[in-house]
């Protein structure tokens, strides 16, 4: 894993993501997921480019099933951007690096996308 990408630690999602002052993009993934593995290099590359403006983290849904359920993650890969503790963007499925970069740029510009996030 890239040095610019943090792995969500056990029981630390709120601290590592929701309590951060800058935006955090979380890659919800699993080791057995082919599309997740295919997107990993693009995610790491974007972390190198935007890591000074946004935190990048990976959340293994097998290890953090309750977090995945909390945000309605039903398909992986799902990448979700959080700002001030709230999800503001979500991308599900394998997408190109340019689509992911566009989403990151929108988040950094202060745009949010209404989405059917499920938070209990």
PDB file of N, CA and C in Angstrom:
ATOM      1  N   UNK A   1       0.841  -1.181   0.000  1.00  0.00           N
ATOM      2  CA  UNK A   1       0.000   0.000   0.000  1.00  0.00           C
ATOM      3  C   UNK A   1       0.887   1.245   0.000  1.00  0.00           C
ATOM      4  N   UNK A   2       0.439   2.275  -0.652  1.00  0.00           N
ATOM      5  CA  UNK A   2       1.184   3.527  -0.743  1.00  0.00           C
ATOM      6  C   UNK A   2       1.323   4.164   0.638  1.00  0.00           C
ATOM      7  N   UNK A   3       2.427   4.861   0.853  1.00  0.00           N
ATOM      8  CA  UNK A   3       2.614   5.578   2.111  1.00  0.00           C
ATOM      9  C   UNK A   3       1.588   6.695   2.271  1.00  0.00           C
ATOM     10  N   UNK A   4       1.000   7.145   1.182  1.00  0.00           N
ATOM     11  CA  UNK A   4       0.016   8.229   1.220  1.00  0.00           C
ATOM     12  C   UNK A   4      -1.391   7.739   1.525  1.00  0.00           C
ATOM     13  N   UNK A   5      -1.557   6.421   1.624  1.00  0.00           N
ATOM     14  CA  UNK A   5      -2.883   5.839   1.871  1.00  0.00           C
ATOM     15  C   UNK A   5      -2.849   5.123   3.214  1.00  0.00           C
ATOM     16  N   UNK A   6      -3.747   5.516   4.109  1.00  0.00           N
ATOM     17  CA  UNK A   6      -3.832   4.898   5.435  1.00  0.00           C
ATOM     18  C   UNK A   6      -4.833   3.751   5.417  1.00  0.00           C
ATOM     19  N   UNK A   7      -4.544   2.718   6.161  1.00  0.00           N
ATOM     20  CA  UNK A   7      -5.488   1.614   6.342  1.00  0.00           C
ATOM     21  C   UNK A   7      -6.312   1.938   7.587  1.00  0.00           C
ATOM     22  N   UNK A   8      -7.632   1.861   7.475  1.00  0.00           N
ATOM     23  CA  UNK A   8      -8.492   2.112   8.632  1.00  0.00           C
ATOM     24  C   UNK A   8      -8.218   1.030   9.673  1.00  0.00           C
ATOM     25  N   UNK A   9      -7.897   1.462  10.873  1.00  0.00           N
ATOM     26  CA  UNK A   9      -7.585   0.544  11.963  1.00  0.00           C
ATOM     27  C   UNK A   9      -8.862   0.130  12.686  1.00  0.00           C
ATOM     28  N   UNK A  10      -8.803  -0.993  13.356  1.00  0.00           N
ATOM     29  CA  UNK A  10      -9.952  -1.535  14.074  1.00  0.00           C
ATOM     30  C   UNK A  10     -10.536  -0.481  15.022  1.00  0.00           C
ATOM     31  N   UNK A  11     -11.820  -0.291  14.929  1.00  0.00           N
ATOM     32  CA  UNK A  11     -12.570   0.635  15.786  1.00  0.00           C
ATOM     33  C   UNK A  11     -12.074   2.077  15.726  1.00  0.00           C
ATOM     34  N   UNK A  12     -11.443   2.472  14.624  1.00  0.00           N
ATOM     35  CA  UNK A  12     -10.901   3.833  14.534  1.00  0.00           C
ATOM     36  C   UNK A  12     -11.478   4.626  13.364  1.00  0.00           C
ATOM     37  N   UNK A  13     -12.551   4.143  12.742  1.00  0.00           N
ATOM     38  CA  UNK A  13     -13.105   4.835  11.582  1.00  0.00           C
ATOM     39  C   UNK A  13     -13.489   6.273  11.921  1.00  0.00           C
ATOM     40  N   UNK A  14     -14.212   6.460  13.013  1.00  0.00           N
ATOM     41  CA  UNK A  14     -14.645   7.812  13.374  1.00  0.00           C
ATOM     42  C   UNK A  14     -13.445   8.735  13.557  1.00  0.00           C
ATOM     43  N   UNK A  15     -12.425   8.275  14.257  1.00  0.00           N
ATOM     44  CA  UNK A  15     -11.238   9.083  14.492  1.00  0.00           C
ATOM     45  C   UNK A  15     -10.470   9.340  13.202  1.00  0.00           C
ATOM     46  N   UNK A  16     -10.285   8.306  12.383  1.00  0.00           N
ATOM     47  CA  UNK A  16      -9.475   8.444  11.173  1.00  0.00           C
ATOM     48  C   UNK A  16     -10.200   9.149  10.030  1.00  0.00           C
ATOM     49  N   UNK A  17     -11.534   9.156  10.059  1.00  0.00           N
ATOM     50  CA  UNK A  17     -12.293   9.731   8.943  1.00  0.00           C
ATOM     51  C   UNK A  17     -13.188  10.877   9.388  1.00  0.00           C
ATOM     52  N   UNK A  18     -14.121  10.610  10.267  1.00  0.00           N
ATOM     53  CA  UNK A  18     -15.156  11.592  10.601  1.00  0.00           C
ATOM     54  C   UNK A  18     -14.636  12.784  11.395  1.00  0.00           C
ATOM     55  N   UNK A  19     -13.589  12.596  12.178  1.00  0.00           N
ATOM     56  CA  UNK A  19     -13.080  13.667  13.031  1.00  0.00           C
ATOM     57  C   UNK A  19     -11.938  14.462  12.397  1.00  0.00           C
ATOM     58  N   UNK A  20     -11.677  14.252  11.124  1.00  0.00           N
ATOM     59  CA  UNK A  20     -10.578  14.948  10.444  1.00  0.00           C
ATOM     60  C   UNK A  20     -11.018  16.338   9.980  1.00  0.00           C
ATOM     61  N   UNK A  21     -10.090  17.275   9.988  1.00  0.00           N
ATOM     62  CA  UNK A  21     -10.409  18.643   9.571  1.00  0.00           C
ATOM     63  C   UNK A  21     -10.411  18.799   8.058  1.00  0.00           C
ATOM     64  N   UNK A  22      -9.651  17.957   7.351  1.00  0.00           N
ATOM     65  CA  UNK A  22      -9.667  18.046   5.896  1.00  0.00           C
ATOM     66  C   UNK A  22     -10.483  16.884   5.328  1.00  0.00           C
ATOM     67  N   UNK A  23     -10.897  16.985   4.060  1.00  0.00           N
ATOM     68  CA  UNK A  23     -11.683  15.902   3.468  1.00  0.00           C
ATOM     69  C   UNK A  23     -10.919  14.576   3.505  1.00  0.00           C
ATOM     70  N   UNK A  24     -11.671  13.490   3.584  1.00  0.00           N
ATOM     71  CA  UNK A  24     -11.091  12.150   3.577  1.00  0.00           C
ATOM     72  C   UNK A  24     -11.822  11.332   2.520  1.00  0.00           C
ATOM     73  N   UNK A  25     -11.068  10.708   1.625  1.00  0.00           N
ATOM     74  CA  UNK A  25     -11.659   9.787   0.662  1.00  0.00           C
ATOM     75  C   UNK A  25     -11.360   8.376   1.144  1.00  0.00           C
ATOM     76  N   UNK A  26     -12.411   7.578   1.248  1.00  0.00           N
ATOM     77  CA  UNK A  26     -12.281   6.214   1.749  1.00  0.00           C
ATOM     78  C   UNK A  26     -12.609   5.237   0.623  1.00  0.00           C
ATOM     79  N   UNK A  27     -11.701   4.318   0.398  1.00  0.00           N
ATOM     80  CA  UNK A  27     -11.898   3.240  -0.568  1.00  0.00           C
ATOM     81  C   UNK A  27     -12.400   2.027   0.209  1.00  0.00           C
ATOM     82  N   UNK A  28     -13.686   1.726   0.069  1.00  0.00           N
ATOM     83  CA  UNK A  28     -14.261   0.524   0.669  1.00  0.00           C
ATOM     84  C   UNK A  28     -13.958  -0.623  -0.283  1.00  0.00           C
ATOM     85  N   UNK A  29     -13.217  -1.627   0.181  1.00  0.00           N
ATOM     86  CA  UNK A  29     -12.686  -2.668  -0.680  1.00  0.00           C
ATOM     87  C   UNK A  29     -12.607  -3.986   0.087  1.00  0.00           C
ATOM     88  N   UNK A  30     -12.176  -5.029  -0.602  1.00  0.00           N
ATOM     89  CA  UNK A  30     -11.893  -6.332   0.014  1.00  0.00           C
ATOM     90  C   UNK A  30     -10.758  -6.978  -0.779  1.00  0.00           C
ATOM     91  N   UNK A  31      -9.935  -7.787  -0.106  1.00  0.00           N
ATOM     92  CA  UNK A  31      -8.791  -8.400  -0.780  1.00  0.00           C
ATOM     93  C   UNK A  31      -9.166  -9.347  -1.919  1.00  0.00           C
ATOM     94  N   UNK A  32     -10.355  -9.915  -1.881  1.00  0.00           N
ATOM     95  CA  UNK A  32     -10.796 -10.868  -2.898  1.00  0.00           C
ATOM     96  C   UNK A  32     -11.459 -10.183  -4.097  1.00  0.00           C
ATOM     97  N   UNK A  33     -11.600  -8.866  -4.064  1.00  0.00           N
ATOM     98  CA  UNK A  33     -12.324  -8.103  -5.092  1.00  0.00           C
ATOM     99  C   UNK A  33     -11.379  -7.703  -6.227  1.00  0.00           C
ATOM    100  N   UNK A  34     -11.561  -8.303  -7.403  1.00  0.00           N
ATOM    101  CA  UNK A  34     -10.733  -7.993  -8.566  1.00  0.00           C
ATOM    102  C   UNK A  34     -10.775  -6.533  -8.977  1.00  0.00           C
ATOM    103  N   UNK A  35     -11.972  -5.938  -9.137  1.00  0.00           N
ATOM    104  CA  UNK A  35     -12.025  -4.521  -9.506  1.00  0.00           C
ATOM    105  C   UNK A  35     -11.373  -3.615  -8.457  1.00  0.00           C
ATOM    106  N   UNK A  36     -11.445  -4.007  -7.184  1.00  0.00           N
ATOM    107  CA  UNK A  36     -10.786  -3.223  -6.126  1.00  0.00           C
ATOM    108  C   UNK A  36      -9.276  -3.217  -6.341  1.00  0.00           C
ATOM    109  N   UNK A  37      -8.744  -4.392  -6.643  1.00  0.00           N
ATOM    110  CA  UNK A  37      -7.299  -4.503  -6.898  1.00  0.00           C
ATOM    111  C   UNK A  37      -6.906  -3.705  -8.136  1.00  0.00           C
ATOM    112  N   UNK A  38      -7.764  -3.725  -9.148  1.00  0.00           N
ATOM    113  CA  UNK A  38      -7.474  -3.011 -10.395  1.00  0.00           C
ATOM    114  C   UNK A  38      -7.458  -1.492 -10.191  1.00  0.00           C
ATOM    115  N   UNK A  39      -8.281  -0.996  -9.282  1.00  0.00           N
ATOM    116  CA  UNK A  39      -8.349   0.446  -9.034  1.00  0.00           C
ATOM    117  C   UNK A  39      -7.284   0.935  -8.057  1.00  0.00           C
ATOM    118  N   UNK A  40      -6.662   0.030  -7.331  1.00  0.00           N
ATOM    119  CA  UNK A  40      -5.700   0.423  -6.291  1.00  0.00           C
ATOM    120  C   UNK A  40      -4.562   1.309  -6.811  1.00  0.00           C
ATOM    121  N   UNK A  41      -3.959   1.012  -7.973  1.00  0.00           N
ATOM    122  CA  UNK A  41      -2.882   1.896  -8.451  1.00  0.00           C
ATOM    123  C   UNK A  41      -3.357   3.325  -8.736  1.00  0.00           C
ATOM    124  N   UNK A  42      -4.549   3.486  -9.284  1.00  0.00           N
ATOM    125  CA  UNK A  42      -5.093   4.823  -9.554  1.00  0.00           C
ATOM    126  C   UNK A  42      -5.335   5.568  -8.243  1.00  0.00           C
ATOM    127  N   UNK A  43      -5.874   4.865  -7.244  1.00  0.00           N
ATOM    128  CA  UNK A  43      -6.126   5.465  -5.936  1.00  0.00           C
ATOM    129  C   UNK A  43      -4.811   5.925  -5.310  1.00  0.00           C
ATOM    130  N   UNK A  44      -3.793   5.075  -5.383  1.00  0.00           N
ATOM    131  CA  UNK A  44      -2.479   5.416  -4.823  1.00  0.00           C
ATOM    132  C   UNK A  44      -1.860   6.598  -5.569  1.00  0.00           C
ATOM    133  N   UNK A  45      -2.007   6.631  -6.879  1.00  0.00           N
ATOM    134  CA  UNK A  45      -1.476   7.732  -7.673  1.00  0.00           C
ATOM    135  C   UNK A  45      -2.148   9.055  -7.305  1.00  0.00           C
ATOM    136  N   UNK A  46      -3.457   9.026  -7.144  1.00  0.00           N
ATOM    137  CA  UNK A  46      -4.187  10.230  -6.761  1.00  0.00           C
ATOM    138  C   UNK A  46      -3.830  10.661  -5.340  1.00  0.00           C
ATOM    139  N   UNK A  47      -3.533   9.692  -4.478  1.00  0.00           N
ATOM    140  CA  UNK A  47      -3.097  10.015  -3.115  1.00  0.00           C
ATOM    141  C   UNK A  47      -1.781  10.784  -3.152  1.00  0.00           C
ATOM    142  N   UNK A  48      -0.905  10.406  -4.070  1.00  0.00           N
ATOM    143  CA  UNK A  48       0.368  11.115  -4.216  1.00  0.00           C
ATOM    144  C   UNK A  48       0.126  12.547  -4.707  1.00  0.00           C
ATOM    145  N   UNK A  49      -0.839  12.710  -5.608  1.00  0.00           N
ATOM    146  CA  UNK A  49      -1.121  14.017  -6.198  1.00  0.00           C
ATOM    147  C   UNK A  49      -1.885  14.936  -5.246  1.00  0.00           C
ATOM    148  N   UNK A  50      -2.901  14.398  -4.568  1.00  0.00           N
ATOM    149  CA  UNK A  50      -3.805  15.223  -3.762  1.00  0.00           C
ATOM    150  C   UNK A  50      -3.642  15.018  -2.253  1.00  0.00           C
ATOM    151  N   UNK A  51      -2.652  14.259  -1.844  1.00  0.00           N
ATOM    152  CA  UNK A  51      -2.471  13.929  -0.434  1.00  0.00           C
ATOM    153  C   UNK A  51      -2.234  15.108   0.483  1.00  0.00           C
ATOM    154  N   UNK A  52      -1.802  16.238  -0.067  1.00  0.00           N
ATOM    155  CA  UNK A  52      -1.622  17.423   0.773  1.00  0.00           C
ATOM    156  C   UNK A  52      -2.925  18.200   0.964  1.00  0.00           C
ATOM    157  N   UNK A  53      -3.974  17.838   0.220  1.00  0.00           N
ATOM    158  CA  UNK A  53      -5.258  18.539   0.308  1.00  0.00           C
ATOM    159  C   UNK A  53      -6.363  17.668   0.896  1.00  0.00           C
ATOM    160  N   UNK A  54      -6.149  16.370   0.892  1.00  0.00           N
ATOM    161  CA  UNK A  54      -7.180  15.420   1.280  1.00  0.00           C
ATOM    162  C   UNK A  54      -6.495  14.172   1.808  1.00  0.00           C
ATOM    163  N   UNK A  55      -7.095  13.544   2.801  1.00  0.00           N
ATOM    164  CA  UNK A  55      -6.561  12.282   3.315  1.00  0.00           C
ATOM    165  C   UNK A  55      -7.142  11.127   2.505  1.00  0.00           C
ATOM    166  N   UNK A  56      -6.335  10.102   2.288  1.00  0.00           N
ATOM    167  CA  UNK A  56      -6.744   8.917   1.549  1.00  0.00           C
ATOM    168  C   UNK A  56      -6.672   7.722   2.486  1.00  0.00           C
ATOM    169  N   UNK A  57      -7.748   6.927   2.509  1.00  0.00           N
ATOM    170  CA  UNK A  57      -7.792   5.765   3.401  1.00  0.00           C
ATOM    171  C   UNK A  57      -8.501   4.606   2.719  1.00  0.00           C
ATOM    172  N   UNK A  58      -8.130   3.400   3.148  1.00  0.00           N
ATOM    173  CA  UNK A  58      -8.777   2.189   2.647  1.00  0.00           C
ATOM    174  C   UNK A  58      -9.460   1.498   3.819  1.00  0.00           C
ATOM    175  N   UNK A  59     -10.676   1.024   3.571  1.00  0.00           N
ATOM    176  CA  UNK A  59     -11.459   0.356   4.604  1.00  0.00           C
ATOM    177  C   UNK A  59     -11.872  -1.013   4.079  1.00  0.00           C
ATOM    178  N   UNK A  60     -11.259  -2.061   4.627  1.00  0.00           N
ATOM    179  CA  UNK A  60     -11.567  -3.429   4.229  1.00  0.00           C
ATOM    180  C   UNK A  60     -12.955  -3.787   4.782  1.00  0.00           C
ATOM    181  N   UNK A  61     -13.916  -4.024   3.880  1.00  0.00           N
ATOM    182  CA  UNK A  61     -15.292  -4.283   4.319  1.00  0.00           C
ATOM    183  C   UNK A  61     -15.428  -5.607   5.068  1.00  0.00           C
ATOM    184  N   UNK A  62     -14.511  -6.530   4.855  1.00  0.00           N
ATOM    185  CA  UNK A  62     -14.550  -7.782   5.613  1.00  0.00           C
ATOM    186  C   UNK A  62     -14.178  -7.534   7.071  1.00  0.00           C
ATOM    187  N   UNK A  63     -13.229  -6.633   7.298  1.00  0.00           N
ATOM    188  CA  UNK A  63     -12.786  -6.318   8.659  1.00  0.00           C
ATOM    189  C   UNK A  63     -13.666  -5.283   9.337  1.00  0.00           C
ATOM    190  N   UNK A  64     -14.378  -4.490   8.544  1.00  0.00           N
ATOM    191  CA  UNK A  64     -15.185  -3.387   9.080  1.00  0.00           C
ATOM    192  C   UNK A  64     -16.613  -3.442   8.524  1.00  0.00           C
ATOM    193  N   UNK A  65     -17.247  -4.591   8.671  1.00  0.00           N
ATOM    194  CA  UNK A  65     -18.594  -4.793   8.120  1.00  0.00           C
ATOM    195  C   UNK A  65     -19.597  -3.799   8.696  1.00  0.00           C
ATOM    196  N   UNK A  66     -19.467  -3.451   9.959  1.00  0.00           N
ATOM    197  CA  UNK A  66     -20.429  -2.520  10.572  1.00  0.00           C
ATOM    198  C   UNK A  66     -20.318  -1.124   9.961  1.00  0.00           C
ATOM    199  N   UNK A  67     -19.093  -0.711   9.596  1.00  0.00           N
ATOM    200  CA  UNK A  67     -18.908   0.596   8.953  1.00  0.00           C
ATOM    201  C   UNK A  67     -19.520   0.560   7.555  1.00  0.00           C
ATOM    202  N   UNK A  68     -19.273  -0.517   6.816  1.00  0.00           N
ATOM    203  CA  UNK A  68     -19.847  -0.651   5.473  1.00  0.00           C
ATOM    204  C   UNK A  68     -21.369  -0.627   5.543  1.00  0.00           C
ATOM    205  N   UNK A  69     -21.922  -1.307   6.516  1.00  0.00           N
ATOM    206  CA  UNK A  69     -23.387  -1.327   6.681  1.00  0.00           C
ATOM    207  C   UNK A  69     -23.903   0.062   7.050  1.00  0.00           C
ATOM    208  N   UNK A  70     -23.187   0.747   7.904  1.00  0.00           N
ATOM    209  CA  UNK A  70     -23.578   2.089   8.364  1.00  0.00           C
ATOM    210  C   UNK A  70     -23.741   3.056   7.195  1.00  0.00           C
ATOM    211  N   UNK A  71     -22.900   2.897   6.155  1.00  0.00           N
ATOM    212  CA  UNK A  71     -22.960   3.791   4.998  1.00  0.00           C
ATOM    213  C   UNK A  71     -23.602   3.154   3.773  1.00  0.00           C
ATOM    214  N   UNK A  72     -24.276   2.040   3.967  1.00  0.00           N
ATOM    215  CA  UNK A  72     -25.036   1.421   2.883  1.00  0.00           C
ATOM    216  C   UNK A  72     -24.183   0.874   1.760  1.00  0.00           C
ATOM    217  N   UNK A  73     -22.960   0.454   2.063  1.00  0.00           N
ATOM    218  CA  UNK A  73     -22.077  -0.103   1.042  1.00  0.00           C
ATOM    219  C   UNK A  73     -22.580  -1.498   0.685  1.00  0.00           C
ATOM    220  N   UNK A  74     -23.080  -1.644  -0.533  1.00  0.00           N
ATOM    221  CA  UNK A  74     -23.606  -2.928  -0.983  1.00  0.00           C
ATOM    222  C   UNK A  74     -22.795  -3.507  -2.127  1.00  0.00           C
ATOM    223  N   UNK A  75     -21.923  -2.685  -2.693  1.00  0.00           N
ATOM    224  CA  UNK A  75     -21.108  -3.117  -3.820  1.00  0.00           C
ATOM    225  C   UNK A  75     -19.728  -2.480  -3.666  1.00  0.00           C
ATOM    226  N   UNK A  76     -18.710  -3.258  -3.998  1.00  0.00           N
ATOM    227  CA  UNK A  76     -17.352  -2.714  -3.933  1.00  0.00           C
ATOM    228  C   UNK A  76     -16.682  -2.890  -5.280  1.00  0.00           C
ATOM    229  N   UNK A  77     -15.769  -2.017  -5.619  1.00  0.00           N
ATOM    230  CA  UNK A  77     -15.301  -0.908  -4.805  1.00  0.00           C
ATOM    231  C   UNK A  77     -16.321   0.229  -4.735  1.00  0.00           C
ATOM    232  N   UNK A  78     -16.390   0.852  -3.581  1.00  0.00           N
ATOM    233  CA  UNK A  78     -17.115   2.101  -3.403  1.00  0.00           C
ATOM    234  C   UNK A  78     -16.143   3.074  -2.774  1.00  0.00           C
ATOM    235  N   UNK A  79     -16.034   4.239  -3.363  1.00  0.00           N
ATOM    236  CA  UNK A  79     -15.183   5.293  -2.819  1.00  0.00           C
ATOM    237  C   UNK A  79     -16.088   6.417  -2.354  1.00  0.00           C
ATOM    238  N   UNK A  80     -15.900   6.832  -1.110  1.00  0.00           N
ATOM    239  CA  UNK A  80     -16.766   7.844  -0.518  1.00  0.00           C
ATOM    240  C   UNK A  80     -15.888   8.960   0.052  1.00  0.00           C
ATOM    241  N   UNK A  81     -16.279  10.194  -0.235  1.00  0.00           N
ATOM    242  CA  UNK A  81     -15.551  11.350   0.290  1.00  0.00           C
ATOM    243  C   UNK A  81     -16.351  11.936   1.446  1.00  0.00           C
ATOM    244  N   UNK A  82     -15.659  12.132   2.554  1.00  0.00           N
ATOM    245  CA  UNK A  82     -16.259  12.701   3.762  1.00  0.00           C
ATOM    246  C   UNK A  82     -15.677  14.083   4.006  1.00  0.00           C
ATOM    247  N   UNK A  83     -16.540  15.012   4.397  1.00  0.00           N
ATOM    248  CA  UNK A  83     -16.127  16.369   4.775  1.00  0.00           C
ATOM    249  C   UNK A  83     -16.873  16.715   6.048  1.00  0.00           C
ATOM    250  N   UNK A  84     -16.131  17.140   7.064  1.00  0.00           N
ATOM    251  CA  UNK A  84     -16.717  17.507   8.351  1.00  0.00           C
ATOM    252  C   UNK A  84     -17.623  16.402   8.886  1.00  0.00           C
ATOM    253  N   UNK A  85     -17.182  15.158   8.721  1.00  0.00           N
ATOM    254  CA  UNK A  85     -17.899  14.014   9.271  1.00  0.00           C
ATOM    255  C   UNK A  85     -19.079  13.516   8.464  1.00  0.00           C
ATOM    256  N   UNK A  86     -19.328  14.133   7.318  1.00  0.00           N
ATOM    257  CA  UNK A  86     -20.481  13.752   6.491  1.00  0.00           C
ATOM    258  C   UNK A  86     -20.020  13.282   5.116  1.00  0.00           C
ATOM    259  N   UNK A  87     -20.678  12.240   4.576  1.00  0.00           N
ATOM    260  CA  UNK A  87     -20.361  11.824   3.207  1.00  0.00           C
ATOM    261  C   UNK A  87     -20.897  12.851   2.216  1.00  0.00           C
ATOM    262  N   UNK A  88     -20.033  13.304   1.306  1.00  0.00           N
ATOM    263  CA  UNK A  88     -20.465  14.321   0.332  1.00  0.00           C
ATOM    264  C   UNK A  88     -20.417  13.828  -1.109  1.00  0.00           C
ATOM    265  N   UNK A  89     -19.659  12.775  -1.381  1.00  0.00           N
ATOM    266  CA  UNK A  89     -19.576  12.188  -2.717  1.00  0.00           C
ATOM    267  C   UNK A  89     -19.410  10.687  -2.570  1.00  0.00           C
ATOM    268  N   UNK A  90     -19.907   9.972  -3.563  1.00  0.00           N
ATOM    269  CA  UNK A  90     -19.727   8.523  -3.587  1.00  0.00           C
ATOM    270  C   UNK A  90     -19.601   8.058  -5.031  1.00  0.00           C
ATOM    271  N   UNK A  91     -18.673   7.127  -5.249  1.00  0.00           N
ATOM    272  CA  UNK A  91     -18.486   6.513  -6.563  1.00  0.00           C
ATOM    273  C   UNK A  91     -18.463   5.009  -6.338  1.00  0.00           C
ATOM    274  N   UNK A  92     -19.344   4.298  -7.026  1.00  0.00           N
ATOM    275  CA  UNK A  92     -19.415   2.845  -6.865  1.00  0.00           C
ATOM    276  C   UNK A  92     -19.043   2.163  -8.169  1.00  0.00           C
ATOM    277  N   UNK A  93     -18.271   1.106  -8.045  1.00  0.00           N
ATOM    278  CA  UNK A  93     -17.854   0.336  -9.208  1.00  0.00           C
ATOM    279  C   UNK A  93     -16.502   0.791  -9.712  1.00  0.00           C
ATOM    280  N   UNK A  94     -15.992   0.017 -10.648  1.00  0.00           N
ATOM    281  CA  UNK A  94     -14.690   0.326 -11.218  1.00  0.00           C
ATOM    282  C   UNK A  94     -14.829   1.500 -12.184  1.00  0.00           C
ATOM    283  N   UNK A  95     -14.108   2.568 -11.901  1.00  0.00           N
ATOM    284  CA  UNK A  95     -14.135   3.754 -12.753  1.00  0.00           C
ATOM    285  C   UNK A  95     -12.703   4.119 -13.124  1.00  0.00           C
ATOM    286  N   UNK A  96     -12.574   4.946 -14.118  1.00  0.00           N
ATOM    287  CA  UNK A  96     -11.237   5.368 -14.558  1.00  0.00           C
ATOM    288  C   UNK A  96     -10.641   6.350 -13.558  1.00  0.00           C
ATOM    289  N   UNK A  97      -9.335   6.510 -13.635  1.00  0.00           N
ATOM    290  CA  UNK A  97      -8.654   7.461 -12.769  1.00  0.00           C
ATOM    291  C   UNK A  97      -9.174   8.871 -13.010  1.00  0.00           C
ATOM    292  N   UNK A  98      -9.511   9.189 -14.263  1.00  0.00           N
ATOM    293  CA  UNK A  98      -9.995  10.543 -14.559  1.00  0.00           C
ATOM    294  C   UNK A  98     -11.355  10.813 -13.915  1.00  0.00           C
ATOM    295  N   UNK A  99     -12.225   9.814 -13.854  1.00  0.00           N
ATOM    296  CA  UNK A  99     -13.533   9.981 -13.189  1.00  0.00           C
ATOM    297  C   UNK A  99     -13.313  10.201 -11.695  1.00  0.00           C
ATOM    298  N   UNK A 100     -12.429   9.426 -11.120  1.00  0.00           N
ATOM    299  CA  UNK A 100     -12.132   9.563  -9.709  1.00  0.00           C
ATOM    300  C   UNK A 100     -11.495  10.925  -9.411  1.00  0.00           C
ATOM    301  N   UNK A 101     -10.589  11.347 -10.270  1.00  0.00           N
ATOM    302  CA  UNK A 101      -9.941  12.646 -10.081  1.00  0.00           C
ATOM    303  C   UNK A 101     -10.958  13.782 -10.197  1.00  0.00           C
ATOM    304  N   UNK A 102     -11.891  13.678 -11.123  1.00  0.00           N
ATOM    305  CA  UNK A 102     -12.939  14.686 -11.274  1.00  0.00           C
ATOM    306  C   UNK A 102     -13.768  14.785  -9.988  1.00  0.00           C
ATOM    307  N   UNK A 103     -14.087  13.643  -9.400  1.00  0.00           N
ATOM    308  CA  UNK A 103     -14.860  13.623  -8.154  1.00  0.00           C
ATOM    309  C   UNK A 103     -14.068  14.290  -7.029  1.00  0.00           C
ATOM    310  N   UNK A 104     -12.777  14.006  -6.955  1.00  0.00           N
ATOM    311  CA  UNK A 104     -11.920  14.614  -5.941  1.00  0.00           C
ATOM    312  C   UNK A 104     -11.865  16.127  -6.130  1.00  0.00           C
ATOM    313  N   UNK A 105     -11.705  16.567  -7.366  1.00  0.00           N
ATOM    314  CA  UNK A 105     -11.638  18.005  -7.637  1.00  0.00           C
ATOM    315  C   UNK A 105     -12.940  18.702  -7.260  1.00  0.00           C
ATOM    316  N   UNK A 106     -14.069  18.077  -7.521  1.00  0.00           N
ATOM    317  CA  UNK A 106     -15.362  18.653  -7.138  1.00  0.00           C
ATOM    318  C   UNK A 106     -15.453  18.785  -5.617  1.00  0.00           C
ATOM    319  N   UNK A 107     -15.015  17.764  -4.911  1.00  0.00           N
ATOM    320  CA  UNK A 107     -15.061  17.815  -3.448  1.00  0.00           C
ATOM    321  C   UNK A 107     -14.158  18.933  -2.919  1.00  0.00           C
ATOM    322  N   UNK A 108     -12.970  19.051  -3.486  1.00  0.00           N
ATOM    323  CA  UNK A 108     -12.047  20.095  -3.044  1.00  0.00           C
ATOM    324  C   UNK A 108     -12.560  21.490  -3.382  1.00  0.00           C
ATOM    325  N   UNK A 109     -13.399  21.593  -4.410  1.00  0.00           N
ATOM    326  CA  UNK A 109     -13.987  22.877  -4.797  1.00  0.00           C
ATOM    327  C   UNK A 109     -15.222  23.202  -3.961  1.00  0.00           C
ATOM    328  N   UNK A 110     -15.590  22.293  -3.062  1.00  0.00           N
ATOM    329  CA  UNK A 110     -16.727  22.549  -2.183  1.00  0.00           C
ATOM    330  C   UNK A 110     -18.059  22.060  -2.702  1.00  0.00           C
ATOM    331  N   UNK A 111     -18.050  21.358  -3.819  1.00  0.00           N
ATOM    332  CA  UNK A 111     -19.295  20.820  -4.355  1.00  0.00           C
ATOM    333  C   UNK A 111     -19.625  19.513  -3.643  1.00  0.00           C
ATOM    334  N   UNK A 112     -20.909  19.291  -3.441  1.00  0.00           N
ATOM    335  CA  UNK A 112     -21.323  17.998  -2.894  1.00  0.00           C
ATOM    336  C   UNK A 112     -22.410  17.429  -3.785  1.00  0.00           C
ATOM    337  N   UNK A 113     -22.538  16.133  -3.742  1.00  0.00           N
ATOM    338  CA  UNK A 113     -23.516  15.440  -4.553  1.00  0.00           C
ATOM    339  C   UNK A 113     -24.521  14.764  -3.638  1.00  0.00           C
ATOM    340  N   UNK A 114     -25.774  15.184  -3.691  1.00  0.00           N
ATOM    341  CA  UNK A 114     -26.763  14.494  -2.865  1.00  0.00           C
ATOM    342  C   UNK A 114     -26.809  13.019  -3.262  1.00  0.00           C
ATOM    343  N   UNK A 115     -26.781  12.171  -2.295  1.00  0.00           N
ATOM    344  CA  UNK A 115     -26.805  10.729  -2.557  1.00  0.00           C
ATOM    345  C   UNK A 115     -27.605  10.045  -1.471  1.00  0.00           C
ATOM    346  N   UNK A 116     -28.087   8.867  -1.761  1.00  0.00           N
ATOM    347  CA  UNK A 116     -28.920   8.149  -0.783  1.00  0.00           C
ATOM    348  C   UNK A 116     -28.066   7.444   0.283  1.00  0.00           C
ATOM    349  N   UNK A 117     -27.295   8.237   1.042  1.00  0.00           N
ATOM    350  CA  UNK A 117     -26.457   7.653   2.082  1.00  0.00           C
ATOM    351  C   UNK A 117     -27.347   7.179   3.223  1.00  0.00           C
ATOM    352  N   UNK A 118     -27.004   6.044   3.753  1.00  0.00           N
ATOM    353  CA  UNK A 118     -27.749   5.475   4.870  1.00  0.00           C
ATOM    354  C   UNK A 118     -26.847   5.547   6.086  1.00  0.00           C
ATOM    355  N   UNK A 119     -27.203   6.385   7.032  1.00  0.00           N
ATOM    356  CA  UNK A 119     -26.401   6.517   8.249  1.00  0.00           C
ATOM    357  C   UNK A 119     -27.326   6.329   9.431  1.00  0.00           C
ATOM    358  N   UNK A 120     -27.043   5.300  10.203  1.00  0.00           N
ATOM    359  CA  UNK A 120     -27.852   5.019  11.389  1.00  0.00           C
ATOM    360  C   UNK A 120     -27.074   5.304  12.637  1.00  0.00           C
TER     361      UNK A 120
END
